Amino acid sequence: MAKTQTLPKWATLDRRNVLVQMFLNSGGFCVYGHKKCLIPEHHYSLHSELLIKDWKHLDIEQRLAEWEAERKALHSLGQRTYPIRGQFSAVSRDIYAENQPLYYLEGQAVSGITLKPFVRVRIASSYIRLYVDLGEALRQVSKSKRRKAIRYGKPLPPTIRVAIMRMIMEAVKDYQAH
């Protein structure tokens, strides 16, 4: 009765070929090609044992990852998970979205390059920030009020605020149209 020899799990065809090529290249001595190498880790037998240990460790990690994926696939119900606080219904989601502003005003400053005032605006539900040039919108306000508005966030007159909001809205709508 013929007895077949079983190979260890780590001994795939590619890995056995690597060991054979390494042996043929090194001649059984230093795997890095040094003549009269005195470093034991460079010797073929020790180097190959370390390689095999690494392969065994990789195989164990692969099996554990496959088992974890299979366990999740078997035990998940196929249902979507929701945040802890629950989910929006279709109607309340629409109401919430309608009540959200299109943008958030983050700040007002003077450009160091053009020396003209601008406003930094963050688009809602996005990381995008727009820099809206105010141009001549603040010309009607005194220099002192402009500086106080920019430096300290003091409110501007209502007519100027409306003009600024109109310019911001145009910029946001132009951004969303493109």
C-alpha atoms as a PDB file:
ATOM      1  CA  MET A   1       0.000   0.000   0.000  1.00  0.00           C
ATOM      2  CA  ALA A   2       1.441   3.350  -1.107  1.00  0.00           C
ATOM      3  CA  LYS A   3       1.578   5.996   1.531  1.00  0.00           C
ATOM      4  CA  THR A   4       1.225   9.607   0.401  1.00  0.00           C
ATOM      5  CA  GLN A   5       3.203  12.195   2.216  1.00  0.00           C
ATOM      6  CA  THR A   6       1.194  15.224   3.292  1.00  0.00           C
ATOM      7  CA  LEU A   7       2.901  18.580   3.290  1.00  0.00           C
ATOM      8  CA  PRO A   8       2.488  21.145   6.057  1.00  0.00           C
ATOM      9  CA  LYS A   9      -0.095  23.875   5.519  1.00  0.00           C
ATOM     10  CA  TRP A  10       2.517  26.586   5.047  1.00  0.00           C
ATOM     11  CA  ALA A  11       4.197  24.674   2.178  1.00  0.00           C
ATOM     12  CA  THR A  12       2.352  26.066  -0.807  1.00  0.00           C
ATOM     13  CA  LEU A  13       3.889  25.703  -4.227  1.00  0.00           C
ATOM     14  CA  ASP A  14       5.058  29.320  -4.365  1.00  0.00           C
ATOM     15  CA  ARG A  15       6.670  29.141  -0.937  1.00  0.00           C
ATOM     16  CA  ARG A  16       8.483  25.900  -1.726  1.00  0.00           C
ATOM     17  CA  ASN A  17       9.760  27.506  -4.929  1.00  0.00           C
ATOM     18  CA  VAL A  18      11.067  30.469  -2.900  1.00  0.00           C
ATOM     19  CA  LEU A  19      12.983  28.119  -0.609  1.00  0.00           C
ATOM     20  CA  VAL A  20      14.442  26.186  -3.541  1.00  0.00           C
ATOM     21  CA  GLN A  21      15.497  29.378  -5.354  1.00  0.00           C
ATOM     22  CA  MET A  22      17.038  30.739  -2.165  1.00  0.00           C
ATOM     23  CA  PHE A  23      19.002  27.506  -1.689  1.00  0.00           C
ATOM     24  CA  LEU A  24      20.185  27.460  -5.299  1.00  0.00           C
ATOM     25  CA  ASN A  25      21.265  31.122  -5.164  1.00  0.00           C
ATOM     26  CA  SER A  26      23.064  30.787  -1.826  1.00  0.00           C
ATOM     27  CA  GLY A  27      24.459  27.298  -2.265  1.00  0.00           C
ATOM     28  CA  GLY A  28      23.291  26.529   1.281  1.00  0.00           C
ATOM     29  CA  PHE A  29      25.422  29.271   2.821  1.00  0.00           C
ATOM     30  CA  CYS A  30      24.832  33.047   3.134  1.00  0.00           C
ATOM     31  CA  VAL A  31      21.520  33.962   1.521  1.00  0.00           C
ATOM     32  CA  TYR A  32      22.770  37.530   0.895  1.00  0.00           C
ATOM     33  CA  GLY A  33      25.776  36.354  -1.117  1.00  0.00           C
ATOM     34  CA  HIS A  34      28.543  37.305   1.333  1.00  0.00           C
ATOM     35  CA  LYS A  35      31.768  35.319   1.178  1.00  0.00           C
ATOM     36  CA  LYS A  36      32.746  33.778   4.540  1.00  0.00           C
ATOM     37  CA  CYS A  37      29.722  35.303   6.273  1.00  0.00           C
ATOM     38  CA  LEU A  38      29.868  35.024  10.068  1.00  0.00           C
ATOM     39  CA  ILE A  39      26.345  36.282  10.770  1.00  0.00           C
ATOM     40  CA  PRO A  40      24.203  33.267  11.791  1.00  0.00           C
ATOM     41  CA  GLU A  41      20.914  34.870  10.651  1.00  0.00           C
ATOM     42  CA  HIS A  42      22.249  35.023   7.080  1.00  0.00           C
ATOM     43  CA  HIS A  43      22.858  31.263   6.911  1.00  0.00           C
ATOM     44  CA  TYR A  44      20.361  29.401   4.753  1.00  0.00           C
ATOM     45  CA  SER A  45      19.071  26.990   7.400  1.00  0.00           C
ATOM     46  CA  LEU A  46      18.324  29.648  10.019  1.00  0.00           C
ATOM     47  CA  HIS A  47      16.983  32.118   7.449  1.00  0.00           C
ATOM     48  CA  SER A  48      14.646  29.523   5.975  1.00  0.00           C
ATOM     49  CA  GLU A  49      13.336  28.596   9.449  1.00  0.00           C
ATOM     50  CA  LEU A  50      12.594  32.269  10.165  1.00  0.00           C
ATOM     51  CA  LEU A  51      10.814  32.558   6.813  1.00  0.00           C
ATOM     52  CA  ILE A  52       8.714  29.492   7.603  1.00  0.00           C
ATOM     53  CA  LYS A  53       7.768  30.935  11.013  1.00  0.00           C
ATOM     54  CA  ASP A  54       6.654  34.152   9.310  1.00  0.00           C
ATOM     55  CA  TRP A  55       4.588  32.188   6.793  1.00  0.00           C
ATOM     56  CA  LYS A  56       2.926  30.192   9.586  1.00  0.00           C
ATOM     57  CA  HIS A  57       2.092  33.418  11.397  1.00  0.00           C
ATOM     58  CA  LEU A  58       0.629  34.924   8.195  1.00  0.00           C
ATOM     59  CA  ASP A  59      -1.461  31.789   7.642  1.00  0.00           C
ATOM     60  CA  ILE A  60      -2.846  31.992  11.182  1.00  0.00           C
ATOM     61  CA  GLU A  61      -3.767  35.660  10.691  1.00  0.00           C
ATOM     62  CA  GLN A  62      -5.411  34.843   7.348  1.00  0.00           C
ATOM     63  CA  ARG A  63      -7.465  32.004   8.868  1.00  0.00           C
ATOM     64  CA  LEU A  64      -8.569  34.226  11.758  1.00  0.00           C
ATOM     65  CA  ALA A  65      -9.602  37.000   9.366  1.00  0.00           C
ATOM     66  CA  GLU A  66     -11.553  34.529   7.218  1.00  0.00           C
ATOM     67  CA  TRP A  67     -13.207  33.034  10.309  1.00  0.00           C
ATOM     68  CA  GLU A  68     -14.179  36.494  11.578  1.00  0.00           C
ATOM     69  CA  ALA A  69     -15.660  37.431   8.186  1.00  0.00           C
ATOM     70  CA  GLU A  70     -17.578  34.137   8.036  1.00  0.00           C
ATOM     71  CA  ARG A  71     -18.848  34.596  11.599  1.00  0.00           C
ATOM     72  CA  LYS A  72     -20.085  38.097  10.785  1.00  0.00           C
ATOM     73  CA  ALA A  73     -21.741  36.874   7.602  1.00  0.00           C
ATOM     74  CA  LEU A  74     -23.486  34.020   9.407  1.00  0.00           C
ATOM     75  CA  HIS A  75     -24.686  35.994  12.390  1.00  0.00           C
ATOM     76  CA  SER A  76     -25.634  39.284  10.811  1.00  0.00           C
ATOM     77  CA  LEU A  77     -29.296  39.649  10.035  1.00  0.00           C
ATOM     78  CA  GLY A  78     -28.694  41.581   6.861  1.00  0.00           C
ATOM     79  CA  GLN A  79     -30.401  44.600   8.362  1.00  0.00           C
ATOM     80  CA  ARG A  80     -28.948  48.060   8.361  1.00  0.00           C
ATOM     81  CA  THR A  81     -27.734  49.302  11.731  1.00  0.00           C
ATOM     82  CA  TYR A  82     -28.852  52.736  12.834  1.00  0.00           C
ATOM     83  CA  PRO A  83     -27.337  55.255  15.216  1.00  0.00           C
ATOM     84  CA  ILE A  84     -28.024  54.855  18.921  1.00  0.00           C
ATOM     85  CA  ARG A  85     -30.602  57.642  18.928  1.00  0.00           C
ATOM     86  CA  GLY A  86     -32.616  56.069  16.109  1.00  0.00           C
ATOM     87  CA  GLN A  87     -33.381  57.187  12.607  1.00  0.00           C
ATOM     88  CA  PHE A  88     -35.367  59.856  10.883  1.00  0.00           C
ATOM     89  CA  SER A  89     -38.651  58.994   9.295  1.00  0.00           C
ATOM     90  CA  ALA A  90     -39.047  60.145   5.700  1.00  0.00           C
ATOM     91  CA  VAL A  91     -41.173  63.146   6.649  1.00  0.00           C
ATOM     92  CA  SER A  92     -39.013  64.309   9.565  1.00  0.00           C
ATOM     93  CA  ARG A  93     -35.865  63.945   7.419  1.00  0.00           C
ATOM     94  CA  ASP A  94     -37.379  66.294   4.811  1.00  0.00           C
ATOM     95  CA  ILE A  95     -38.456  68.782   7.481  1.00  0.00           C
ATOM     96  CA  TYR A  96     -34.983  68.710   9.036  1.00  0.00           C
ATOM     97  CA  ALA A  97     -33.280  69.221   5.668  1.00  0.00           C
ATOM     98  CA  GLU A  98     -35.561  72.140   4.796  1.00  0.00           C
ATOM     99  CA  ASN A  99     -34.798  73.903   8.076  1.00  0.00           C
ATOM    100  CA  GLN A 100     -31.025  73.689   7.635  1.00  0.00           C
ATOM    101  CA  PRO A 101     -29.234  76.787   6.332  1.00  0.00           C
ATOM    102  CA  LEU A 102     -27.407  76.607   3.011  1.00  0.00           C
ATOM    103  CA  TYR A 103     -24.246  78.045   4.538  1.00  0.00           C
ATOM    104  CA  TYR A 104     -22.618  79.137   7.775  1.00  0.00           C
ATOM    105  CA  LEU A 105     -20.870  82.476   8.031  1.00  0.00           C
ATOM    106  CA  GLU A 106     -17.462  81.799   9.622  1.00  0.00           C
ATOM    107  CA  GLY A 107     -15.728  85.130   9.565  1.00  0.00           C
ATOM    108  CA  GLN A 108     -14.990  88.438   7.921  1.00  0.00           C
ATOM    109  CA  ALA A 109     -11.513  89.825   7.162  1.00  0.00           C
ATOM    110  CA  VAL A 110      -9.455  91.928   4.794  1.00  0.00           C
ATOM    111  CA  SER A 111      -7.357  90.198   2.143  1.00  0.00           C
ATOM    112  CA  GLY A 112      -3.643  90.794   2.509  1.00  0.00           C
ATOM    113  CA  ILE A 113      -3.190  90.645  -1.257  1.00  0.00           C
ATOM    114  CA  THR A 114      -6.034  92.728  -2.659  1.00  0.00           C
ATOM    115  CA  LEU A 115      -6.704  94.745   0.517  1.00  0.00           C
ATOM    116  CA  LYS A 116     -10.436  94.234  -0.001  1.00  0.00           C
ATOM    117  CA  PRO A 117     -12.849  92.762   2.543  1.00  0.00           C
ATOM    118  CA  PHE A 118     -14.060  89.183   2.159  1.00  0.00           C
ATOM    119  CA  VAL A 119     -16.217  86.718   4.048  1.00  0.00           C
ATOM    120  CA  ARG A 120     -15.428  83.061   4.728  1.00  0.00           C
ATOM    121  CA  VAL A 121     -18.497  80.834   4.338  1.00  0.00           C
ATOM    122  CA  ARG A 122     -18.806  77.082   4.988  1.00  0.00           C
ATOM    123  CA  ILE A 123     -21.297  75.202   2.828  1.00  0.00           C
ATOM    124  CA  ALA A 124     -23.768  73.224   4.983  1.00  0.00           C
ATOM    125  CA  SER A 125     -23.122  69.460   5.293  1.00  0.00           C
ATOM    126  CA  SER A 126     -19.746  69.891   3.629  1.00  0.00           C
ATOM    127  CA  TYR A 127     -16.130  70.744   4.324  1.00  0.00           C
ATOM    128  CA  ILE A 128     -16.095  73.228   1.442  1.00  0.00           C
ATOM    129  CA  ARG A 129     -15.389  76.824   2.333  1.00  0.00           C
ATOM    130  CA  LEU A 130     -16.025  79.738   0.017  1.00  0.00           C
ATOM    131  CA  TYR A 131     -14.234  83.058   0.224  1.00  0.00           C
ATOM    132  CA  VAL A 132     -16.664  85.703  -0.984  1.00  0.00           C
ATOM    133  CA  ASP A 133     -15.169  89.030  -2.031  1.00  0.00           C
ATOM    134  CA  LEU A 134     -17.291  91.863  -0.675  1.00  0.00           C
ATOM    135  CA  GLY A 135     -15.739  94.400  -3.027  1.00  0.00           C
ATOM    136  CA  GLU A 136     -17.395  97.775  -2.605  1.00  0.00           C
ATOM    137  CA  ALA A 137     -20.181  96.589  -0.277  1.00  0.00           C
ATOM    138  CA  LEU A 138     -18.594  98.131   2.815  1.00  0.00           C
ATOM    139  CA  ARG A 139     -17.808 101.507   1.227  1.00  0.00           C
ATOM    140  CA  GLN A 140     -20.952 103.095   2.691  1.00  0.00           C
ATOM    141  CA  VAL A 141     -19.803 102.311   6.243  1.00  0.00           C
ATOM    142  CA  SER A 142     -17.187 104.385   8.036  1.00  0.00           C
ATOM    143  CA  LYS A 143     -13.667 103.058   8.357  1.00  0.00           C
ATOM    144  CA  SER A 144     -14.065 102.729  12.128  1.00  0.00           C
ATOM    145  CA  LYS A 145     -17.246 100.620  11.835  1.00  0.00           C
ATOM    146  CA  ARG A 146     -15.635  98.428   9.166  1.00  0.00           C
ATOM    147  CA  ARG A 147     -12.640  97.764  11.404  1.00  0.00           C
ATOM    148  CA  LYS A 148     -14.822  97.002  14.417  1.00  0.00           C
ATOM    149  CA  ALA A 149     -16.945  94.622  12.362  1.00  0.00           C
ATOM    150  CA  ILE A 150     -13.895  92.800  11.019  1.00  0.00           C
ATOM    151  CA  ARG A 151     -11.795  92.761  14.204  1.00  0.00           C
ATOM    152  CA  TYR A 152     -14.398  92.349  16.916  1.00  0.00           C
ATOM    153  CA  GLY A 153     -17.444  91.006  15.091  1.00  0.00           C
ATOM    154  CA  LYS A 154     -19.571  94.071  15.850  1.00  0.00           C
ATOM    155  CA  PRO A 155     -22.820  94.176  13.843  1.00  0.00           C
ATOM    156  CA  LEU A 156     -23.018  96.227  10.671  1.00  0.00           C
ATOM    157  CA  PRO A 157     -26.042  98.361   9.745  1.00  0.00           C
ATOM    158  CA  PRO A 158     -29.009  96.298   8.484  1.00  0.00           C
ATOM    159  CA  THR A 159     -28.808  97.575   4.898  1.00  0.00           C
ATOM    160  CA  ILE A 160     -25.152  96.527   4.633  1.00  0.00           C
ATOM    161  CA  ARG A 161     -25.867  93.155   6.258  1.00  0.00           C
ATOM    162  CA  VAL A 162     -28.611  92.489   3.699  1.00  0.00           C
ATOM    163  CA  ALA A 163     -26.258  93.402   0.845  1.00  0.00           C
ATOM    164  CA  ILE A 164     -23.566  91.065   2.225  1.00  0.00           C
ATOM    165  CA  MET A 165     -26.056  88.212   2.661  1.00  0.00           C
ATOM    166  CA  ARG A 166     -27.257  88.737  -0.917  1.00  0.00           C
ATOM    167  CA  MET A 167     -23.655  88.493  -2.207  1.00  0.00           C
ATOM    168  CA  ILE A 168     -23.039  85.354  -0.139  1.00  0.00           C
ATOM    169  CA  MET A 169     -26.262  83.756  -1.363  1.00  0.00           C
ATOM    170  CA  GLU A 170     -25.291  84.459  -4.987  1.00  0.00           C
ATOM    171  CA  ALA A 171     -21.880  82.860  -4.415  1.00  0.00           C
ATOM    172  CA  VAL A 172     -23.375  79.786  -2.719  1.00  0.00           C
ATOM    173  CA  LYS A 173     -25.991  79.299  -5.446  1.00  0.00           C
ATOM    174  CA  ASP A 174     -23.304  79.727  -8.113  1.00  0.00           C
ATOM    175  CA  TYR A 175     -21.168  77.095  -6.352  1.00  0.00           C
ATOM    176  CA  GLN A 176     -24.085  74.659  -6.087  1.00  0.00           C
ATOM    177  CA  ALA A 177     -25.035  75.192  -9.730  1.00  0.00           C
ATOM    178  CA  HIS A 178     -21.579  74.060 -10.853  1.00  0.00           C
END
